[in-house]
PDB file of N, CA and C in Angstrom:
ATOM      1  N   MET A   1      88.992 117.583  88.422  1.00  0.00           N
ATOM      2  CA  MET A   1      87.385 118.156  88.330  1.00  0.00           C
ATOM      3  C   MET A   1      86.995 117.673  86.976  1.00  0.00           C
ATOM      4  N   ALA A   2      87.950 117.224  85.790  1.00  0.00           N
ATOM      5  CA  ALA A   2      87.631 116.615  84.482  1.00  0.00           C
ATOM      6  C   ALA A   2      86.597 115.608  84.731  1.00  0.00           C
ATOM      7  N   ILE A   3      86.034 114.722  84.152  1.00  0.00           N
ATOM      8  CA  ILE A   3      85.599 113.385  84.441  1.00  0.00           C
ATOM      9  C   ILE A   3      86.322 112.201  83.882  1.00  0.00           C
ATOM     10  N   THR A   4      86.192 111.462  84.190  1.00  0.00           N
ATOM     11  CA  THR A   4      87.063 110.474  84.111  1.00  0.00           C
ATOM     12  C   THR A   4      87.703 109.639  83.209  1.00  0.00           C
ATOM     13  N   LYS A   5      88.533 109.053  81.855  1.00  0.00           N
ATOM     14  CA  LYS A   5      88.419 108.420  80.842  1.00  0.00           C
ATOM     15  C   LYS A   5      87.760 107.452  80.656  1.00  0.00           C
ATOM     16  N   GLU A   6      87.225 106.277  81.743  1.00  0.00           N
ATOM     17  CA  GLU A   6      86.410 105.594  82.015  1.00  0.00           C
ATOM     18  C   GLU A   6      85.086 105.887  81.758  1.00  0.00           C
ATOM     19  N   ARG A   7      84.701 106.550  83.082  1.00  0.00           N
ATOM     20  CA  ARG A   7      83.383 107.203  82.934  1.00  0.00           C
ATOM     21  C   ARG A   7      82.990 107.896  81.651  1.00  0.00           C
ATOM     22  N   LYS A   8      83.995 108.746  80.727  1.00  0.00           N
ATOM     23  CA  LYS A   8      83.338 109.256  79.514  1.00  0.00           C
ATOM     24  C   LYS A   8      83.449 107.770  78.533  1.00  0.00           C
ATOM     25  N   GLU A   9      84.288 107.026  78.630  1.00  0.00           N
ATOM     26  CA  GLU A   9      83.963 105.954  77.502  1.00  0.00           C
ATOM     27  C   GLU A   9      82.556 105.252  77.962  1.00  0.00           C
ATOM     28  N   GLN A  10      82.176 105.041  79.094  1.00  0.00           N
ATOM     29  CA  GLN A  10      81.193 104.420  79.403  1.00  0.00           C
ATOM     30  C   GLN A  10      80.017 105.466  78.996  1.00  0.00           C
ATOM     31  N   ILE A  11      79.926 106.477  78.864  1.00  0.00           N
ATOM     32  CA  ILE A  11      78.669 107.212  78.299  1.00  0.00           C
ATOM     33  C   ILE A  11      78.506 107.403  76.955  1.00  0.00           C
ATOM     34  N   ILE A  12      79.715 107.546  76.497  1.00  0.00           N
ATOM     35  CA  ILE A  12      80.171 107.067  74.560  1.00  0.00           C
ATOM     36  C   ILE A  12      79.576 105.966  74.305  1.00  0.00           C
ATOM     37  N   LYS A  13      79.405 104.419  75.547  1.00  0.00           N
ATOM     38  CA  LYS A  13      79.279 103.173  74.831  1.00  0.00           C
ATOM     39  C   LYS A  13      77.276 103.129  75.324  1.00  0.00           C
ATOM     40  N   SER A  14      77.362 104.170  75.951  1.00  0.00           N
ATOM     41  CA  SER A  14      75.621 103.825  76.233  1.00  0.00           C
ATOM     42  C   SER A  14      75.094 105.108  75.450  1.00  0.00           C
ATOM     43  N   PHE A  15      75.348 105.998  74.999  1.00  0.00           N
ATOM     44  CA  PHE A  15      74.728 106.794  73.923  1.00  0.00           C
ATOM     45  C   PHE A  15      75.069 107.032  72.180  1.00  0.00           C
ATOM     46  N   GLY A  16      76.264 105.995  72.328  1.00  0.00           N
ATOM     47  CA  GLY A  16      76.617 106.186  70.916  1.00  0.00           C
ATOM     48  C   GLY A  16      76.659 104.466  70.102  1.00  0.00           C
ATOM     49  N   LYS A  17      76.778 104.823  68.936  1.00  0.00           N
ATOM     50  CA  LYS A  17      76.680 103.345  68.255  1.00  0.00           C
ATOM     51  C   LYS A  17      77.614 102.818  68.575  1.00  0.00           C
ATOM     52  N   ASP A  18      79.146 102.832  68.550  1.00  0.00           N
ATOM     53  CA  ASP A  18      79.758 102.516  69.002  1.00  0.00           C
ATOM     54  C   ASP A  18      81.342 103.125  69.914  1.00  0.00           C
ATOM     55  N   GLU A  19      82.178 102.541  70.364  1.00  0.00           N
ATOM     56  CA  GLU A  19      83.126 102.920  71.149  1.00  0.00           C
ATOM     57  C   GLU A  19      83.691 104.556  70.869  1.00  0.00           C
ATOM     58  N   LYS A  20      83.498 104.710  69.623  1.00  0.00           N
ATOM     59  CA  LYS A  20      84.308 105.867  68.800  1.00  0.00           C
ATOM     60  C   LYS A  20      83.072 106.602  68.597  1.00  0.00           C
ATOM     61  N   ASP A  21      82.003 106.607  68.924  1.00  0.00           N
ATOM     62  CA  ASP A  21      80.998 107.910  68.043  1.00  0.00           C
ATOM     63  C   ASP A  21      81.002 108.938  69.132  1.00  0.00           C
ATOM     64  N   THR A  22      81.870 109.630  68.911  1.00  0.00           N
ATOM     65  CA  THR A  22      82.172 110.951  69.847  1.00  0.00           C
ATOM     66  C   THR A  22      81.013 112.006  69.428  1.00  0.00           C
ATOM     67  N   GLY A  23      81.021 111.847  68.218  1.00  0.00           N
ATOM     68  CA  GLY A  23      80.480 112.889  67.523  1.00  0.00           C
ATOM     69  C   GLY A  23      78.851 113.367  67.581  1.00  0.00           C
ATOM     70  N   LYS A  24      78.136 112.438  67.595  1.00  0.00           N
ATOM     71  CA  LYS A  24      77.120 111.888  67.738  1.00  0.00           C
ATOM     72  C   LYS A  24      76.283 113.196  68.840  1.00  0.00           C
ATOM     73  N   THR A  25      75.130 113.696  68.498  1.00  0.00           N
ATOM     74  CA  THR A  25      74.379 114.773  69.258  1.00  0.00           C
ATOM     75  C   THR A  25      73.947 114.248  70.839  1.00  0.00           C
ATOM     76  N   GLU A  26      73.590 113.357  70.845  1.00  0.00           N
ATOM     77  CA  GLU A  26      73.280 112.964  72.084  1.00  0.00           C
ATOM     78  C   GLU A  26      74.137 112.184  73.115  1.00  0.00           C
ATOM     79  N   VAL A  27      76.031 112.098  72.548  1.00  0.00           N
ATOM     80  CA  VAL A  27      76.594 111.962  73.240  1.00  0.00           C
ATOM     81  C   VAL A  27      77.222 113.050  73.455  1.00  0.00           C
ATOM     82  N   GLN A  28      77.085 113.843  72.876  1.00  0.00           N
ATOM     83  CA  GLN A  28      78.274 115.393  73.269  1.00  0.00           C
ATOM     84  C   GLN A  28      77.346 115.863  74.676  1.00  0.00           C
ATOM     85  N   ILE A  29      75.964 115.802  74.256  1.00  0.00           N
ATOM     86  CA  ILE A  29      74.990 116.105  75.593  1.00  0.00           C
ATOM     87  C   ILE A  29      74.931 115.049  76.195  1.00  0.00           C
ATOM     88  N   ALA A  30      75.331 114.240  76.421  1.00  0.00           N
ATOM     89  CA  ALA A  30      75.617 113.348  77.800  1.00  0.00           C
ATOM     90  C   ALA A  30      76.968 113.901  78.313  1.00  0.00           C
ATOM     91  N   ILE A  31      77.797 114.236  77.776  1.00  0.00           N
ATOM     92  CA  ILE A  31      79.091 114.011  78.035  1.00  0.00           C
ATOM     93  C   ILE A  31      79.063 115.752  79.310  1.00  0.00           C
ATOM     94  N   LEU A  32      78.544 116.858  77.967  1.00  0.00           N
ATOM     95  CA  LEU A  32      78.124 117.876  78.784  1.00  0.00           C
ATOM     96  C   LEU A  32      77.401 118.035  80.040  1.00  0.00           C
ATOM     97  N   THR A  33      76.468 117.136  80.464  1.00  0.00           N
ATOM     98  CA  THR A  33      75.617 116.675  81.509  1.00  0.00           C
ATOM     99  C   THR A  33      76.517 116.354  82.630  1.00  0.00           C
ATOM    100  N   GLU A  34      77.055 115.481  82.152  1.00  0.00           N
ATOM    101  CA  GLU A  34      77.860 114.871  83.629  1.00  0.00           C
ATOM    102  C   GLU A  34      78.951 115.761  83.657  1.00  0.00           C
ATOM    103  N   GLU A  35      79.779 117.224  83.226  1.00  0.00           N
ATOM    104  CA  GLU A  35      80.760 117.483  83.304  1.00  0.00           C
ATOM    105  C   GLU A  35      80.105 118.873  83.939  1.00  0.00           C
ATOM    106  N   ILE A  36      79.043 119.401  83.673  1.00  0.00           N
ATOM    107  CA  ILE A  36      77.665 120.375  84.360  1.00  0.00           C
ATOM    108  C   ILE A  36      77.288 119.609  85.797  1.00  0.00           C
ATOM    109  N   LEU A  37      77.352 118.487  86.096  1.00  0.00           N
ATOM    110  CA  LEU A  37      76.939 118.082  87.357  1.00  0.00           C
ATOM    111  C   LEU A  37      78.227 117.899  88.398  1.00  0.00           C
ATOM    112  N   GLN A  38      79.205 117.581  87.596  1.00  0.00           N
ATOM    113  CA  GLN A  38      80.547 117.945  88.509  1.00  0.00           C
ATOM    114  C   GLN A  38      80.975 119.139  89.138  1.00  0.00           C
ATOM    115  N   LEU A  39      80.545 120.428  87.661  1.00  0.00           N
ATOM    116  CA  LEU A  39      81.068 121.605  87.742  1.00  0.00           C
ATOM    117  C   LEU A  39      79.870 122.025  89.523  1.00  0.00           C
ATOM    118  N   THR A  40      78.783 121.504  89.065  1.00  0.00           N
ATOM    119  CA  THR A  40      77.467 122.443  90.075  1.00  0.00           C
ATOM    120  C   THR A  40      77.876 121.315  91.400  1.00  0.00           C
ATOM    121  N   GLU A  41      78.567 120.403  91.958  1.00  0.00           N
ATOM    122  CA  GLU A  41      79.319 120.281  92.999  1.00  0.00           C
ATOM    123  C   GLU A  41      80.575 120.954  93.021  1.00  0.00           C
ATOM    124  N   HIS A  42      80.938 121.125  92.700  1.00  0.00           N
ATOM    125  CA  HIS A  42      82.697 122.051  92.910  1.00  0.00           C
ATOM    126  C   HIS A  42      81.829 123.203  93.191  1.00  0.00           C
ATOM    127  N   MET A  43      81.130 124.052  92.248  1.00  0.00           N
ATOM    128  CA  MET A  43      80.749 125.730  92.850  1.00  0.00           C
ATOM    129  C   MET A  43      79.700 125.292  94.117  1.00  0.00           C
ATOM    130  N   LYS A  44      79.279 123.863  94.870  1.00  0.00           N
ATOM    131  CA  LYS A  44      78.898 124.007  95.901  1.00  0.00           C
ATOM    132  C   LYS A  44      79.867 124.236  97.071  1.00  0.00           C
ATOM    133  N   VAL A  45      81.514 123.820  96.852  1.00  0.00           N
ATOM    134  CA  VAL A  45      82.485 124.122  98.230  1.00  0.00           C
ATOM    135  C   VAL A  45      82.608 125.277  98.056  1.00  0.00           C
ATOM    136  N   ASN A  46      83.155 125.584  96.460  1.00  0.00           N
ATOM    137  CA  ASN A  46      83.910 126.850  95.919  1.00  0.00           C
ATOM    138  C   ASN A  46      82.992 127.857  95.273  1.00  0.00           C
ATOM    139  N   LYS A  47      82.700 128.423  96.482  1.00  0.00           N
ATOM    140  CA  LYS A  47      81.809 129.659  96.073  1.00  0.00           C
ATOM    141  C   LYS A  47      82.361 130.861  95.264  1.00  0.00           C
ATOM    142  N   LYS A  48      83.564 131.153  95.437  1.00  0.00           N
ATOM    143  CA  LYS A  48      84.175 132.128  95.212  1.00  0.00           C
ATOM    144  C   LYS A  48      84.806 131.957  93.571  1.00  0.00           C
ATOM    145  N   ASP A  49      84.984 130.699  93.070  1.00  0.00           N
ATOM    146  CA  ASP A  49      85.651 130.068  92.157  1.00  0.00           C
ATOM    147  C   ASP A  49      85.012 131.150  91.288  1.00  0.00           C
ATOM    148  N   LYS A  50      85.002 132.010  90.572  1.00  0.00           N
ATOM    149  CA  LYS A  50      84.556 132.617  89.586  1.00  0.00           C
ATOM    150  C   LYS A  50      84.736 132.034  88.038  1.00  0.00           C
ATOM    151  N   HIS A  51      85.963 131.364  87.718  1.00  0.00           N
ATOM    152  CA  HIS A  51      86.733 130.858  86.224  1.00  0.00           C
ATOM    153  C   HIS A  51      85.669 129.740  86.246  1.00  0.00           C
ATOM    154  N   SER A  52      85.557 128.779  87.244  1.00  0.00           N
ATOM    155  CA  SER A  52      84.582 127.632  87.191  1.00  0.00           C
ATOM    156  C   SER A  52      83.597 128.030  87.008  1.00  0.00           C
ATOM    157  N   LYS A  53      82.356 129.113  87.550  1.00  0.00           N
ATOM    158  CA  LYS A  53      81.401 129.587  87.576  1.00  0.00           C
ATOM    159  C   LYS A  53      81.263 130.044  85.901  1.00  0.00           C
ATOM    160  N   LEU A  54      81.825 130.513  85.228  1.00  0.00           N
ATOM    161  CA  LEU A  54      82.055 130.972  83.958  1.00  0.00           C
ATOM    162  C   LEU A  54      81.933 129.936  82.873  1.00  0.00           C
ATOM    163  N   GLY A  55      83.377 128.719  83.428  1.00  0.00           N
ATOM    164  CA  GLY A  55      83.006 127.303  82.643  1.00  0.00           C
ATOM    165  C   GLY A  55      81.746 126.930  82.734  1.00  0.00           C
ATOM    166  N   LEU A  56      81.106 126.641  83.600  1.00  0.00           N
ATOM    167  CA  LEU A  56      80.051 125.956  83.780  1.00  0.00           C
ATOM    168  C   LEU A  56      78.776 126.852  83.101  1.00  0.00           C
ATOM    169  N   TYR A  57      78.702 128.214  83.184  1.00  0.00           N
ATOM    170  CA  TYR A  57      77.660 128.767  82.100  1.00  0.00           C
ATOM    171  C   TYR A  57      78.282 128.526  80.735  1.00  0.00           C
ATOM    172  N   LYS A  58      79.245 128.168  80.009  1.00  0.00           N
ATOM    173  CA  LYS A  58      79.683 128.095  78.557  1.00  0.00           C
ATOM    174  C   LYS A  58      78.896 126.756  78.949  1.00  0.00           C
ATOM    175  N   LYS A  59      79.228 126.018  79.882  1.00  0.00           N
ATOM    176  CA  LYS A  59      78.617 124.180  79.337  1.00  0.00           C
ATOM    177  C   LYS A  59      77.589 124.546  79.069  1.00  0.00           C
ATOM    178  N   VAL A  60      76.731 124.816  79.943  1.00  0.00           N
ATOM    179  CA  VAL A  60      75.043 124.604  80.017  1.00  0.00           C
ATOM    180  C   VAL A  60      74.406 125.546  78.847  1.00  0.00           C
ATOM    181  N   SER A  61      75.510 126.508  78.567  1.00  0.00           N
ATOM    182  CA  SER A  61      74.692 127.411  76.928  1.00  0.00           C
ATOM    183  C   SER A  61      74.933 126.325  75.933  1.00  0.00           C
ATOM    184  N   GLN A  62      76.078 126.002  76.014  1.00  0.00           N
ATOM    185  CA  GLN A  62      76.566 124.480  74.516  1.00  0.00           C
ATOM    186  C   GLN A  62      75.282 123.826  74.220  1.00  0.00           C
ATOM    187  N   ARG A  63      75.371 122.913  76.075  1.00  0.00           N
ATOM    188  CA  ARG A  63      74.113 121.798  75.795  1.00  0.00           C
ATOM    189  C   ARG A  63      72.695 122.409  75.356  1.00  0.00           C
ATOM    190  N   ALA A  64      71.938 123.922  75.864  1.00  0.00           N
ATOM    191  CA  ALA A  64      71.274 124.200  75.717  1.00  0.00           C
ATOM    192  C   ALA A  64      70.963 124.486  73.655  1.00  0.00           C
ATOM    193  N   SER A  65      72.428 124.658  73.333  1.00  0.00           N
ATOM    194  CA  SER A  65      72.326 125.088  71.520  1.00  0.00           C
ATOM    195  C   SER A  65      72.285 123.328  70.998  1.00  0.00           C
ATOM    196  N   LEU A  66      72.736 122.589  71.785  1.00  0.00           N
ATOM    197  CA  LEU A  66      72.842 121.110  71.161  1.00  0.00           C
ATOM    198  C   LEU A  66      71.216 120.279  71.328  1.00  0.00           C
ATOM    199  N   LEU A  67      70.733 120.853  72.420  1.00  0.00           N
ATOM    200  CA  LEU A  67      69.537 120.301  72.860  1.00  0.00           C
ATOM    201  C   LEU A  67      68.505 121.095  72.035  1.00  0.00           C
ATOM    202  N   LYS A  68      68.696 122.165  71.571  1.00  0.00           N
ATOM    203  CA  LYS A  68      67.721 123.149  70.326  1.00  0.00           C
ATOM    204  C   LYS A  68      67.891 122.175  69.139  1.00  0.00           C
ATOM    205  N   TYR A  69      69.285 122.274  68.670  1.00  0.00           N
ATOM    206  CA  TYR A  69      69.642 121.250  67.216  1.00  0.00           C
ATOM    207  C   TYR A  69      68.871 120.116  67.385  1.00  0.00           C
ATOM    208  N   LEU A  70      69.300 119.393  68.365  1.00  0.00           N
ATOM    209  CA  LEU A  70      68.296 117.631  68.582  1.00  0.00           C
ATOM    210  C   LEU A  70      66.733 117.956  68.509  1.00  0.00           C
ATOM    211  N   LYS A  71      66.331 119.005  68.975  1.00  0.00           N
ATOM    212  CA  LYS A  71      65.012 118.762  68.725  1.00  0.00           C
ATOM    213  C   LYS A  71      63.978 119.371  67.502  1.00  0.00           C
ATOM    214  N   SER A  72      65.025 120.334  66.934  1.00  0.00           N
ATOM    215  CA  SER A  72      64.659 120.402  65.395  1.00  0.00           C
ATOM    216  C   SER A  72      64.947 119.152  64.464  1.00  0.00           C
ATOM    217  N   GLU A  73      65.930 118.389  64.835  1.00  0.00           N
ATOM    218  CA  GLU A  73      66.163 117.435  63.976  1.00  0.00           C
ATOM    219  C   GLU A  73      65.157 116.314  64.130  1.00  0.00           C
ATOM    220  N   SER A  74      65.157 115.765  65.072  1.00  0.00           N
ATOM    221  CA  SER A  74      64.407 115.087  65.589  1.00  0.00           C
ATOM    222  C   SER A  74      64.271 114.781  67.144  1.00  0.00           C
ATOM    223  N   GLU A  75      62.178 115.448  67.141  1.00  0.00           N
ATOM    224  CA  GLU A  75      61.789 115.558  68.599  1.00  0.00           C
ATOM    225  C   GLU A  75      61.564 113.826  69.391  1.00  0.00           C
ATOM    226  N   GLU A  76      61.690 112.785  68.839  1.00  0.00           N
ATOM    227  CA  GLU A  76      61.743 111.531  69.218  1.00  0.00           C
ATOM    228  C   GLU A  76      63.024 111.383  69.851  1.00  0.00           C
ATOM    229  N   ARG A  77      64.070 111.569  69.181  1.00  0.00           N
ATOM    230  CA  ARG A  77      65.085 111.793  69.827  1.00  0.00           C
ATOM    231  C   ARG A  77      65.687 112.221  71.149  1.00  0.00           C
ATOM    232  N   TYR A  78      65.012 113.445  70.729  1.00  0.00           N
ATOM    233  CA  TYR A  78      65.072 114.884  71.903  1.00  0.00           C
ATOM    234  C   TYR A  78      64.247 114.050  73.118  1.00  0.00           C
ATOM    235  N   LYS A  79      63.124 113.599  73.199  1.00  0.00           N
ATOM    236  CA  LYS A  79      62.393 113.409  74.438  1.00  0.00           C
ATOM    237  C   LYS A  79      63.023 111.988  75.195  1.00  0.00           C
ATOM    238  N   GLU A  80      63.361 110.828  74.201  1.00  0.00           N
ATOM    239  CA  GLU A  80      64.377 109.826  74.456  1.00  0.00           C
ATOM    240  C   GLU A  80      65.783 110.402  75.045  1.00  0.00           C
ATOM    241  N   LEU A  81      66.364 111.217  75.038  1.00  0.00           N
ATOM    242  CA  LEU A  81      67.668 111.677  75.878  1.00  0.00           C
ATOM    243  C   LEU A  81      66.885 112.633  76.767  1.00  0.00           C
ATOM    244  N   LEU A  82      66.154 113.319  76.755  1.00  0.00           N
ATOM    245  CA  LEU A  82      65.760 113.991  78.032  1.00  0.00           C
ATOM    246  C   LEU A  82      65.043 112.940  79.185  1.00  0.00           C
ATOM    247  N   GLU A  83      64.627 112.010  78.816  1.00  0.00           N
ATOM    248  CA  GLU A  83      64.227 111.067  79.877  1.00  0.00           C
ATOM    249  C   GLU A  83      65.489 110.238  80.230  1.00  0.00           C
ATOM    250  N   ALA A  84      66.472 109.748  79.325  1.00  0.00           N
ATOM    251  CA  ALA A  84      67.537 109.114  79.987  1.00  0.00           C
ATOM    252  C   ALA A  84      68.349 109.992  80.955  1.00  0.00           C
ATOM    253  N   LEU A  85      68.445 111.396  80.306  1.00  0.00           N
ATOM    254  CA  LEU A  85      69.296 112.360  81.458  1.00  0.00           C
ATOM    255  C   LEU A  85      68.593 112.480  82.558  1.00  0.00           C
ATOM    256  N   ASN A  86      67.373 112.311  82.567  1.00  0.00           N
ATOM    257  CA  ASN A  86      66.601 113.142  83.921  1.00  0.00           C
ATOM    258  C   ASN A  86      66.975 114.798  84.062  1.00  0.00           C
ATOM    259  N   LEU A  87      66.464 115.026  82.720  1.00  0.00           N
ATOM    260  CA  LEU A  87      66.657 116.748  82.665  1.00  0.00           C
ATOM    261  C   LEU A  87      65.222 117.332  82.737  1.00  0.00           C
ATOM    262  N   ARG A  88      65.085 118.312  82.708  1.00  0.00           N
ATOM    263  CA  ARG A  88      63.477 118.967  82.610  1.00  0.00           C
ATOM    264  C   ARG A  88      62.311 118.203  82.336  1.00  0.00           C
ATOM    265  N   LYS A  89      62.079 117.847  83.804  1.00  0.00           N
ATOM    266  CA  LYS A  89      61.254 117.489  84.611  1.00  0.00           C
ATOM    267  C   LYS A  89      59.582 117.432  84.210  1.00  0.00           C
TER     268      LYS A  89
END
């Protein structure tokens, strides 16, 4: 259910400065978004999986906090990230 190593590296390369830049806010949000999408698909099939549901809620909350932080730091980077990840239409 976790994202593959290759997919994670691909996300890091596209949103970070280099392949080792995992601390950048944009990279963290992009990785969380990928995990949220996978958990959402899992929840569609396994409706009674309460533990995964709790994990999904935690990831959504963490992403919301990181988005709020990014918006306070740089409105421009925030808008670019929302556009790139196709969030909040």
